[in-house]
Amino acid sequence: MIDLYQLAISGDSGTTRARTLRSLLAQHQQHLVQLKARLIVPPGASASPSPSSASPSPRASTVSITRLRAAERASAADLVRRLATAPPALAQLLASIAASDATHATALGG
């Protein structure tokens, strides 16, 4: 989500749309901080994921509001599915992030 928002904002930095997107991006960045704070890294393991070459990064021009809205909805749905198997403290955070993602979809016009 963070990458998508950064791409959507690039090249559109001074508009009202960009200000809205920066606000939503900041919330996603805060969610990441909260998730990382709960991450337990085994000794000898890396806390940073390896770069993936599974799919190419989209270009800024391909990240539309429609795409962001769909990504927010998909993220919210995925997080809700994870609630049943997550420990209670993590489930509470995931539910909060899912609610935020659903709100973002609405803020993006849908």
Foldseek 3Di string as FASTA:
>chain_A
DLLLLVLLLPPVPPDPVNVLSVVLSVVVVVLVVVVLVPDDDDPPDDPDDDDDPPDDRDHSVPRDLVNLLVVLQVQLVVLVVCLVPDPPVVSVSSNVSSVSSNVVSVVSPD
